[in-house]
N, C-alpha and C. Protein backbone atom coordinates (compact mmCIF):
# COMPACT_ATOMS: atom_id res chain seq x y z
N MET A 1 0.89 -1.18 -0.02
CA MET A 1 -0.02 -0.09 0.00
C MET A 1 0.72 1.15 0.03
N MET A 2 1.88 1.37 0.86
CA MET A 2 2.64 2.42 1.27
C MET A 2 3.37 2.46 -0.38
N LYS A 3 4.30 1.66 -0.73
CA LYS A 3 5.04 1.75 -2.24
C LYS A 3 4.11 2.28 -3.25
N ARG A 4 2.66 1.73 -3.55
CA ARG A 4 1.70 2.03 -4.50
C ARG A 4 1.71 3.67 -4.05
N MET A 5 1.42 4.21 -2.98
CA MET A 5 1.02 5.44 -2.85
C MET A 5 2.21 6.35 -2.90
N HIS A 6 3.31 5.99 -2.78
CA HIS A 6 4.89 6.77 -3.10
C HIS A 6 4.68 6.64 -4.56
N THR A 7 4.53 5.69 -5.21
CA THR A 7 4.56 5.42 -6.57
C THR A 7 3.52 6.70 -7.44
N THR A 8 2.44 6.54 -6.80
CA THR A 8 1.30 7.56 -7.41
C THR A 8 1.88 8.79 -7.09
N MET A 9 2.19 9.15 -5.74
CA MET A 9 2.75 10.41 -5.71
C MET A 9 3.61 10.87 -6.27
N GLY A 10 4.79 9.86 -6.59
CA GLY A 10 5.65 10.30 -7.62
C GLY A 10 5.46 10.64 -9.06
N ALA A 11 4.19 9.75 -9.78
CA ALA A 11 3.51 10.14 -10.89
C ALA A 11 2.97 11.32 -10.85
N LEU A 12 1.99 11.70 -9.83
CA LEU A 12 1.26 13.02 -9.58
C LEU A 12 2.35 14.26 -9.76
N LEU A 13 3.54 14.12 -9.12
CA LEU A 13 4.27 15.25 -8.82
C LEU A 13 5.36 15.25 -10.29
N GLY A 14 5.49 14.38 -10.73
CA GLY A 14 6.01 14.44 -12.31
C GLY A 14 5.28 14.93 -13.28
N GLY A 15 3.80 14.87 -13.29
CA GLY A 15 2.85 15.40 -14.15
C GLY A 15 2.62 16.73 -13.90
N LEU A 16 2.82 17.26 -12.63
CA LEU A 16 2.76 18.54 -12.30
C LEU A 16 3.82 19.21 -12.70
N ALA A 17 5.06 18.68 -12.60
CA ALA A 17 6.14 19.44 -13.31
C ALA A 17 6.16 19.63 -14.85
N LEU A 18 5.77 18.72 -15.29
CA LEU A 18 5.48 18.69 -16.82
C LEU A 18 4.20 19.82 -17.20
N VAL A 19 3.24 19.79 -16.59
CA VAL A 19 2.20 20.83 -16.45
C VAL A 19 2.91 22.19 -16.57
N GLY A 20 3.63 22.22 -15.53
CA GLY A 20 4.38 23.66 -15.16
C GLY A 20 5.54 24.05 -16.21
N ALA A 21 6.07 23.05 -16.89
CA ALA A 21 7.08 23.33 -18.13
C ALA A 21 6.43 23.71 -19.36
N LEU A 22 5.27 23.09 -19.59
CA LEU A 22 4.49 23.28 -20.73
C LEU A 22 3.73 24.69 -20.59
N ALA A 23 3.45 25.15 -19.16
CA ALA A 23 2.66 26.26 -19.21
C ALA A 23 3.59 27.50 -19.17
N GLN A 24 4.93 27.32 -19.24
CA GLN A 24 5.66 28.37 -19.13
C GLN A 24 5.49 29.21 -20.68
N PRO A 25 5.57 30.58 -20.73
CA PRO A 25 5.38 31.41 -21.80
C PRO A 25 6.30 31.17 -22.78
N ALA A 26 6.20 31.11 -24.23
CA ALA A 26 6.95 30.98 -25.11
C ALA A 26 7.98 32.32 -25.28
N THR A 27 9.22 32.13 -25.49
CA THR A 27 9.99 33.31 -25.73
C THR A 27 10.99 33.07 -26.65
N ALA A 28 11.14 34.06 -27.31
CA ALA A 28 12.40 33.98 -28.62
C ALA A 28 13.78 33.64 -27.80
N ALA A 29 14.34 32.98 -28.59
CA ALA A 29 15.62 32.50 -27.88
C ALA A 29 16.56 33.72 -27.94
N ALA A 30 17.36 33.86 -26.75
CA ALA A 30 18.41 34.80 -26.71
C ALA A 30 19.55 34.26 -27.11
N VAL A 31 20.24 34.86 -27.89
CA VAL A 31 21.61 34.30 -28.79
C VAL A 31 22.34 35.95 -28.62
N ASP A 32 23.80 35.91 -27.97
CA ASP A 32 24.35 36.99 -28.42
C ASP A 32 23.92 38.53 -27.65
N GLY A 33 22.82 38.03 -26.78
CA GLY A 33 21.97 39.15 -26.13
C GLY A 33 20.98 39.64 -26.81
N LYS A 34 20.63 38.99 -28.03
CA LYS A 34 19.60 39.35 -28.87
C LYS A 34 18.49 38.02 -28.88
N ALA A 35 17.25 38.43 -28.56
CA ALA A 35 16.26 37.61 -28.92
C ALA A 35 16.26 37.39 -30.48
N LYS A 36 15.71 36.07 -31.18
CA LYS A 36 16.14 35.38 -32.24
C LYS A 36 14.79 34.84 -32.52
N MET A 37 13.95 34.89 -33.83
CA MET A 37 12.74 34.30 -34.28
C MET A 37 12.77 34.40 -35.43
N VAL A 38 12.45 32.94 -36.07
CA VAL A 38 12.24 32.53 -37.36
C VAL A 38 10.76 32.47 -37.61
N ILE A 39 10.08 33.19 -38.58
CA ILE A 39 8.46 32.64 -38.80
C ILE A 39 8.34 32.25 -39.90
N GLN A 40 7.64 30.92 -40.22
CA GLN A 40 7.32 30.42 -41.40
C GLN A 40 6.11 30.95 -41.91
N VAL A 41 5.86 31.12 -42.88
CA VAL A 41 4.78 31.40 -43.61
C VAL A 41 4.65 30.34 -45.01
N SER A 42 3.67 29.41 -44.96
CA SER A 42 3.50 28.73 -46.07
C SER A 42 2.09 28.66 -46.77
N ASP A 43 1.25 29.67 -46.51
CA ASP A 43 -0.09 30.00 -46.69
C ASP A 43 -0.09 30.97 -47.41
N ASN A 44 -0.93 30.83 -48.64
CA ASN A 44 -1.31 31.95 -49.66
C ASN A 44 -2.75 32.56 -49.05
N ASP A 45 -2.41 33.19 -47.81
CA ASP A 45 -3.69 33.54 -47.09
C ASP A 45 -3.18 34.88 -46.63
N PRO A 46 -3.96 35.89 -46.82
CA PRO A 46 -3.61 37.49 -46.25
C PRO A 46 -3.64 37.27 -45.00
N ALA A 47 -4.75 36.76 -44.33
CA ALA A 47 -5.13 36.66 -43.06
C ALA A 47 -3.81 35.90 -42.42
N LYS A 48 -3.31 34.88 -42.91
CA LYS A 48 -2.01 34.36 -42.07
C LYS A 48 -0.98 35.24 -42.26
N TRP A 49 -0.60 35.88 -43.36
CA TRP A 49 0.27 36.81 -43.48
C TRP A 49 0.20 37.93 -42.51
N ASN A 50 -1.02 38.43 -42.57
CA ASN A 50 -1.32 39.53 -41.48
C ASN A 50 -0.95 38.95 -40.15
N LEU A 51 -1.43 37.98 -39.58
CA LEU A 51 -1.10 37.38 -38.21
C LEU A 51 0.34 37.27 -38.18
N ALA A 52 1.34 36.74 -39.07
CA ALA A 52 2.78 36.74 -38.89
C ALA A 52 3.15 38.39 -38.60
N LEU A 53 2.84 39.17 -39.64
CA LEU A 53 3.14 40.35 -39.48
C LEU A 53 2.93 40.95 -38.19
N ASN A 54 1.75 40.78 -37.62
CA ASN A 54 1.30 41.40 -36.15
C ASN A 54 2.25 40.61 -35.30
N ASN A 55 2.57 39.37 -35.40
CA ASN A 55 3.18 38.63 -34.45
C ASN A 55 4.95 39.26 -34.49
N ALA A 56 5.33 39.63 -35.58
CA ALA A 56 6.69 40.49 -35.75
C ALA A 56 6.56 41.76 -35.14
N LYS A 57 5.69 42.31 -35.15
CA LYS A 57 5.22 43.84 -34.82
C LYS A 57 5.28 43.91 -33.32
N ASN A 58 4.55 42.77 -32.86
CA ASN A 58 4.42 42.81 -31.33
C ASN A 58 5.50 42.15 -30.54
N ILE A 59 6.41 41.68 -31.20
CA ILE A 59 7.65 41.15 -30.69
C ILE A 59 8.48 42.28 -30.77
N GLN A 60 8.54 43.18 -31.78
CA GLN A 60 9.53 43.93 -31.88
C GLN A 60 8.92 45.32 -30.72
N LYS A 61 7.61 45.17 -30.43
CA LYS A 61 7.17 46.49 -29.70
C LYS A 61 7.56 45.98 -28.62
N ASP A 62 7.29 44.49 -27.95
CA ASP A 62 7.35 44.23 -26.52
C ASP A 62 8.79 44.02 -26.22
N LEU A 63 9.66 43.86 -27.09
CA LEU A 63 11.33 43.53 -26.63
C LEU A 63 12.09 44.69 -26.88
N GLY A 64 11.77 45.49 -28.14
CA GLY A 64 12.66 46.58 -28.61
C GLY A 64 13.32 45.94 -29.81
N LYS A 65 12.89 46.89 -30.71
CA LYS A 65 13.30 46.63 -32.55
C LYS A 65 14.70 46.15 -32.42
N ASP A 66 15.83 46.89 -31.39
CA ASP A 66 17.25 46.80 -31.35
C ASP A 66 17.49 45.47 -30.60
N LYS A 67 16.67 44.97 -29.88
CA LYS A 67 16.85 43.38 -29.03
C LYS A 67 16.49 42.26 -29.66
N VAL A 68 16.25 42.40 -31.01
CA VAL A 68 15.46 41.16 -31.44
C VAL A 68 15.81 41.07 -32.98
N ASP A 69 16.09 39.96 -33.47
CA ASP A 69 16.23 39.71 -34.71
C ASP A 69 15.14 38.96 -35.30
N LEU A 70 14.46 39.43 -36.55
CA LEU A 70 13.41 38.78 -36.88
C LEU A 70 13.35 38.46 -38.51
N GLU A 71 13.27 36.86 -38.83
CA GLU A 71 13.11 36.88 -40.13
C GLU A 71 11.99 35.98 -40.53
N ILE A 72 11.17 36.57 -41.33
CA ILE A 72 10.02 35.74 -42.00
C ILE A 72 10.66 34.94 -43.07
N VAL A 73 10.19 33.69 -43.31
CA VAL A 73 10.60 32.83 -44.51
C VAL A 73 9.36 32.26 -44.79
N ALA A 74 9.42 32.57 -46.53
CA ALA A 74 7.99 32.26 -47.29
C ALA A 74 8.39 31.11 -48.13
N TYR A 75 7.65 30.10 -48.45
CA TYR A 75 7.89 29.14 -49.37
C TYR A 75 6.46 28.49 -49.66
N GLY A 76 6.45 27.75 -50.68
CA GLY A 76 5.15 27.07 -51.16
C GLY A 76 4.27 28.22 -51.47
N PRO A 77 2.87 27.91 -51.03
CA PRO A 77 1.80 28.84 -51.38
C PRO A 77 2.02 30.19 -50.76
N GLY A 78 2.78 30.38 -50.01
CA GLY A 78 2.97 31.48 -49.07
C GLY A 78 3.99 32.66 -50.10
N ILE A 79 4.53 32.25 -50.90
CA ILE A 79 5.26 32.91 -51.82
C ILE A 79 4.51 34.00 -52.31
N GLY A 80 3.10 33.59 -52.66
CA GLY A 80 2.20 34.51 -53.41
C GLY A 80 2.02 35.98 -53.08
N MET A 81 2.18 36.20 -51.41
CA MET A 81 1.93 37.56 -50.75
C MET A 81 3.07 38.27 -50.85
N LEU A 82 4.09 37.52 -51.30
CA LEU A 82 5.59 38.41 -51.48
C LEU A 82 5.51 39.00 -52.84
N LYS A 83 4.43 38.49 -53.87
CA LYS A 83 4.61 39.41 -55.14
C LYS A 83 4.43 40.84 -54.74
N ALA A 84 4.94 41.61 -55.80
CA ALA A 84 4.89 42.95 -55.86
C ALA A 84 3.63 43.74 -55.70
N GLU A 85 2.69 42.99 -56.27
CA GLU A 85 1.36 43.60 -56.08
C GLU A 85 0.24 42.91 -55.06
N SER A 86 0.75 42.25 -53.99
CA SER A 86 -0.08 41.35 -53.32
C SER A 86 -1.11 42.23 -52.32
N GLU A 87 -1.74 41.80 -51.81
CA GLU A 87 -2.69 42.41 -50.77
C GLU A 87 -1.91 42.71 -49.54
N VAL A 88 -0.68 42.29 -49.21
CA VAL A 88 -0.12 42.69 -47.98
C VAL A 88 1.33 43.19 -48.33
N ALA A 89 1.36 43.81 -49.40
CA ALA A 89 2.48 44.48 -50.14
C ALA A 89 2.92 45.53 -49.01
N ASN A 90 2.06 46.54 -48.75
CA ASN A 90 2.48 47.60 -48.13
C ASN A 90 2.53 47.28 -46.54
N ARG A 91 2.32 46.18 -46.05
CA ARG A 91 2.84 45.76 -44.73
C ARG A 91 4.17 44.97 -44.70
N ILE A 92 4.45 44.02 -45.89
CA ILE A 92 5.58 43.81 -45.83
C ILE A 92 6.52 44.97 -46.08
N GLN A 93 6.52 45.91 -46.70
CA GLN A 93 7.41 46.96 -46.66
C GLN A 93 7.50 47.92 -45.38
N GLU A 94 6.34 47.83 -44.52
CA GLU A 94 6.62 48.33 -43.11
C GLU A 94 7.23 47.55 -42.37
N ALA A 95 7.09 46.21 -42.41
CA ALA A 95 8.20 45.11 -41.73
C ALA A 95 9.59 45.19 -42.01
N VAL A 96 10.07 45.33 -43.22
CA VAL A 96 11.17 45.38 -43.63
C VAL A 96 11.81 46.70 -43.21
N ASP A 97 10.89 47.83 -43.35
CA ASP A 97 11.22 49.07 -42.67
C ASP A 97 11.66 49.04 -41.22
N SER A 98 11.07 48.23 -40.63
CA SER A 98 11.22 48.06 -39.23
C SER A 98 12.28 47.10 -38.63
N GLY A 99 13.03 46.61 -39.64
CA GLY A 99 14.12 45.87 -39.39
C GLY A 99 13.70 43.92 -39.37
N VAL A 100 12.68 44.01 -39.93
CA VAL A 100 12.26 42.52 -39.88
C VAL A 100 12.85 42.17 -41.20
N GLN A 101 13.33 40.97 -41.55
CA GLN A 101 14.02 40.26 -42.72
C GLN A 101 12.96 39.53 -43.25
N VAL A 102 12.51 39.80 -44.51
CA VAL A 102 11.35 38.87 -45.04
C VAL A 102 12.40 38.16 -46.21
N VAL A 103 12.28 36.91 -46.44
CA VAL A 103 12.90 36.10 -47.42
C VAL A 103 12.04 35.25 -48.24
N ALA A 104 12.17 35.04 -49.47
CA ALA A 104 11.29 34.46 -50.39
C ALA A 104 12.38 32.92 -50.61
N CYS A 105 11.64 31.84 -50.72
CA CYS A 105 12.49 30.87 -51.27
C CYS A 105 12.62 30.66 -52.88
N GLU A 106 13.88 30.59 -53.06
CA GLU A 106 14.08 30.69 -54.68
C GLU A 106 13.54 28.99 -55.22
N ASN A 107 13.49 28.00 -54.41
CA ASN A 107 13.05 26.92 -54.97
C ASN A 107 11.42 27.09 -55.32
N THR A 108 10.85 27.53 -54.59
CA THR A 108 9.53 27.70 -55.00
C THR A 108 9.25 28.71 -55.98
N MET A 109 9.84 29.77 -56.16
CA MET A 109 10.14 30.58 -57.07
C MET A 109 10.17 30.02 -58.60
N ARG A 110 11.17 29.06 -58.56
CA ARG A 110 11.72 28.28 -59.82
C ARG A 110 10.21 27.39 -60.17
N ALA A 111 10.03 26.76 -59.14
CA ALA A 111 8.58 25.85 -59.18
C ALA A 111 7.41 26.84 -60.13
N GLN A 112 7.36 27.85 -59.46
CA GLN A 112 6.20 28.68 -59.88
C GLN A 112 6.39 29.59 -60.81
N LYS A 113 7.78 29.55 -61.54
CA LYS A 113 8.12 30.31 -62.72
C LYS A 113 7.96 31.89 -62.37
N LEU A 114 8.48 32.17 -61.25
CA LEU A 114 8.39 33.72 -60.44
C LEU A 114 9.85 34.02 -61.18
N SER A 115 9.99 35.47 -61.21
CA SER A 115 11.37 35.95 -61.14
C SER A 115 11.46 37.13 -60.13
N LYS A 116 12.63 37.58 -59.88
CA LYS A 116 12.98 38.40 -58.83
C LYS A 116 12.00 39.86 -59.21
N GLY A 117 11.85 40.03 -60.54
CA GLY A 117 11.20 41.31 -61.04
C GLY A 117 9.62 40.87 -60.44
N ASP A 118 8.93 39.86 -60.62
CA ASP A 118 7.60 39.64 -60.05
C ASP A 118 7.47 39.91 -58.38
N MET A 119 8.68 40.08 -57.84
CA MET A 119 8.38 40.02 -56.36
C MET A 119 8.39 41.56 -55.74
N ASN A 120 8.14 41.62 -54.59
CA ASN A 120 8.23 42.90 -53.84
C ASN A 120 9.63 43.38 -53.72
N GLY A 121 10.05 44.36 -53.95
CA GLY A 121 11.53 44.80 -54.45
C GLY A 121 12.26 45.07 -52.89
N THR A 122 11.63 44.66 -51.66
CA THR A 122 12.06 45.02 -50.43
C THR A 122 12.77 43.75 -49.89
N ILE A 123 12.48 42.86 -50.34
CA ILE A 123 12.48 41.38 -49.64
C ILE A 123 14.00 40.44 -50.05
N GLY A 124 14.20 39.61 -49.51
CA GLY A 124 15.44 39.05 -49.60
C GLY A 124 15.37 37.55 -50.14
N TYR A 125 16.11 36.79 -50.62
CA TYR A 125 16.19 35.38 -51.03
C TYR A 125 16.84 34.51 -50.48
N VAL A 126 16.40 33.31 -50.32
CA VAL A 126 17.38 32.20 -49.78
C VAL A 126 17.36 31.02 -50.86
N ASN A 127 17.95 30.05 -50.90
CA ASN A 127 17.93 28.98 -51.94
C ASN A 127 16.60 28.19 -51.39
N ALA A 128 16.54 27.81 -50.47
CA ALA A 128 15.52 26.67 -49.92
C ALA A 128 14.92 27.20 -48.38
N GLY A 129 13.89 27.54 -48.58
CA GLY A 129 13.21 28.05 -47.43
C GLY A 129 13.13 27.23 -46.08
N VAL A 130 12.97 25.87 -46.44
CA VAL A 130 12.97 24.78 -45.37
C VAL A 130 14.29 24.91 -44.75
N VAL A 131 15.36 24.77 -45.60
CA VAL A 131 16.80 24.87 -45.05
C VAL A 131 16.99 26.18 -44.25
N GLU A 132 16.56 27.07 -44.78
CA GLU A 132 16.84 28.15 -44.00
C GLU A 132 16.35 28.39 -42.32
N ILE A 133 14.99 27.76 -42.51
CA ILE A 133 14.37 27.57 -41.12
C ILE A 133 15.42 26.67 -40.40
N MET A 134 15.79 25.67 -40.92
CA MET A 134 16.46 24.54 -40.06
C MET A 134 17.51 25.47 -39.49
N GLN A 135 18.52 25.98 -40.60
CA GLN A 135 19.67 26.63 -40.16
C GLN A 135 19.52 27.70 -39.11
N LYS A 136 18.37 28.30 -39.23
CA LYS A 136 18.19 29.73 -38.07
C LYS A 136 17.95 28.66 -36.89
N GLN A 137 17.37 27.97 -36.89
CA GLN A 137 17.07 26.90 -35.55
C GLN A 137 18.37 26.51 -35.08
N GLN A 138 19.22 25.81 -35.63
CA GLN A 138 20.57 25.54 -35.26
C GLN A 138 21.39 26.72 -34.70
N GLN A 139 21.07 27.78 -35.44
CA GLN A 139 21.88 29.10 -34.78
C GLN A 139 21.27 29.87 -33.59
N GLY A 140 20.15 28.97 -33.01
CA GLY A 140 19.40 29.38 -31.70
C GLY A 140 18.35 30.08 -31.99
N TYR A 141 17.68 30.13 -32.96
CA TYR A 141 16.55 30.96 -33.23
C TYR A 141 15.12 30.17 -32.77
N THR A 142 14.13 30.72 -32.38
CA THR A 142 12.94 30.12 -31.91
C THR A 142 12.20 30.14 -33.40
N TYR A 143 11.65 29.13 -33.50
CA TYR A 143 10.61 28.91 -34.65
C TYR A 143 9.34 29.07 -34.31
N LEU A 144 8.58 29.70 -35.27
CA LEU A 144 6.92 30.21 -35.07
C LEU A 144 6.51 29.92 -36.08
N ARG A 145 5.20 29.23 -36.40
CA ARG A 145 4.31 29.32 -37.67
C ARG A 145 2.93 29.59 -37.19
N PRO A 146 2.84 30.79 -37.52
CA PRO A 146 1.18 31.12 -36.92
C PRO A 146 0.21 30.52 -37.99
């Protein structure tokens, strides 16, 4: 009886510790004194893009623009919102102006027969969006997919 109670109590305390760990707020990883976050957008949905851009803006507001490195990586269907005439083009411009790096996957661009001339003039480019996200995580960036 005592052994079973001890085992049950241990399981209960272990479960509470796990719940406590899961309840901790997500924060951007701090590397070199700066918080760093990479945000994936792979949906061709203005609402999803606005959410990602709002997340970036709120992170900068809360932590301070100079205390955070943010990168938004777009690939797959999400690349459509990085076209020059997209519904969120002005918001992309605002994000870049505020220090957010916004990059497009060149693999996706080739697959969709898009050129840099088709794209928003303020963005950057990476060979492969998924590789960029992986490398950023290896460099200590926190990953977010809104």
